[in-house]
Amino acid sequence: MPPKLPRSPFKFALYFIKFFKWPLLAMLLFEAGQAGSQILLPYAIKEIIDVVTKLPAQTTKDLVFSSLEGPLWIFVGLSLGVLIFSRASGALLIYVGPALRRLSRFNLYSYLQYHSHRFFTTNFSGSLSNRINEVSVGVNHSLWTAMFDFWPVMITFSVSLVLVAKTNLQLAFYLGGWVFLYVTVSFVLASRARKYAKSFAAARSKVSGKVVDSVTNILNTKMFSRKEFERQYLKEYLDLEVKKGRETLWFMEKMRWFQFVSALILQVGIMYMAVNHWLAGAITIGEFTMVTSLSLLIINDARGLSRRFLEFFEYIGNISDGVGIMLGEHEILDAVEAGPLQVRKAEIEFSHVGFNYTDGKEVFKDLNLKIASKEKVGLVGFSGSGKTTFVNLLTRLYDIQAGYIFIDSQDIAKVTQDSLRGQISMIPQDPMLFHRTLLENIRYGKLDAKDEEVFEAAKLAHADEFIRELPDGYQSLVGERGVKLSGGQRQRIAIARAILKDSPILILDEATSSLDSKTEKLIQAGLDNLMKGKTVVVIAHRLSTISHMDRIVVFDKGEIVEQGSHEELLKTEGHYSMLWKMQAGGFLPEEPVAPLPSKLDH
């Protein structure tokens, strides 16, 4: 089951704290110790100055040091406290930081895995990858901002107010009022910046997706001489990113004006009031120095706090953008009490199946079809007739709206998806390979397979010969999506992978379409061996490849219009016979070249 992740950006950021609660609690204590030690240093300096100013003009060195012993020890202790507490917190950060990022990325990817096929066809893979990265960075940085910025500043402000209050209540009220107003206004402004940060993050993700899409299709760009077109196409999205970035930065600039004006008011006001109190004898030189030093420290921390508020809400905006897309409801989930599919005969049945895509276009209406155990069935029909949809429903890439699909009398909606797909080997028309070694790509069909088993599967798929001719043999990397291999080579790797998986149900979706006739004949024996003892469903435009099937099912506009053996269907001179005659070079055209006779509409 997918991890249960919160969809609120704040709750999502806090979700991972529970996995590191003790190290994080220790870091909070260390940061409090560091901030407290840092802000108490002006107090130690005040004590030193007050002692020095009270000493007579002619004072021996020994008397000075003996008088300053207590304040100096306080100063040294606080300085050591800053060092020890900060480095202890830093050491824990080394342990927690990378692990936290790993955990958030792992959970996001785990959740993403359970999304439907439809989700991945409507979202850029590059954009999703970028969002995973931005969300994980946002989780880390938002947590560190709260721990290393907000929390220490709270300690700094609190201790400063206590120190100033002990010195002079009027100064303390002025400082406290300034801090309250500054923090409140900064928080409100920064929270308004969240919408800018979110739109900026969305624009960046969109640009990343467009860049990945353009780079992936670089061959198209070259072959159609569209380099300038692609640059201009990308420029539109880059311009949008710049626009959103400027909106965000202008808002931040307004906040900085507020910061600097507020700092000026505090600095001048505290200095003026402190001078007046000193002239009136209400405070000592040491207290005057402490108060002005504290105000400068508070101004520095306040500027940092305002900036951190902005960054914090930007991180939350990034998280919000990412989780808003990735943590949506899963379209296809296992039933609550779903168990594993138990395949004994591998019989397939579509019973009164109704299905349509989200656009409302009906594909199947009351579709019924039974495929017997170990029967080899070919699916034919023009593009859009429902062949691929049939396979997608059988593998439960989509859920049906009506009826049932059974395998050995078990409703596939009531078994786990992993167990269902574990019993099906599929060789697609355009096989996807990982940017890993050939050995790893083939072994993906059976993760615990020995090298010898991989080699044997490759031989049956007639892939062993070309693999061993490569410089690194089975250790050769195939490139992203297998781009370093030809279409026929990728197809043979996919066939080898299916041979190794050896599932009781086999689906071939144009499995030999990327092969030349010679290569197809070479591997046909391997496919025939693979089909033995299995229930097989074959989609083909090259009708000759399915002429030897036990049964051929003819689809037209989502309906089964004919079924029977190759010879039987040719004799009826119906829809299949027409398709056979319409073949060009052994392949079926995408659509009828002329209206089909009315007698075939049955």
Foldseek 3Di string as FASTA:
>chain_A
DADDADQQLVRNLVVLCVVVVVLLVLLLVLLLQLLLLVLCLLVLQLLLVVQVVPDDPDDDPVVSCVSSVVSVVSNVVSVVSNVVSVVSSVVSCVVVVVVQLVVQLVSLVRLLVLAFPVLPVVDQPQLLVVLSNLLSVLSRLLVCLCRNFVSSLVSLLVVLLVLVCVQPVVLSVVSVVLVVVLVVVLLVLLLVLLVLLLQLLVLVSVLRSLVVVCVVVVVVCVVVVCPVVSVVVSVVSVVVSVVSVVVSVVSVVVLVVVLVVSLVCLLVVQLVVLVVCVVVVSGDPSSSSSSNVSSVVSSVSSSVNSVSSNVSSSSSSSNSNNSVSSVDDHQAFADPQAAADDADQFKKWFAQFWADDPVPQTQAGGATDIFGGLAAEEEEEFPSLCQVVVVCVQLPSDDTPDGAMDTVNHGPSRHGSCNSVLQEQEQAQQAFAAQFFLQVRLCVLPVPDDSVLLLVLLVLLVLQVVQCVDPVRRRDGQPGRNVNDARSNSLSSSSSSSLSNLHQEYEYHQSCVRDDPVSCVSNVSSVVVSSPRHRYYYYFQLVVSCQPGQKYFYGGSNHGQDMGHNVVVCVVCADVVVQVVCDDPSGGDNDDPDDDDPVNRD
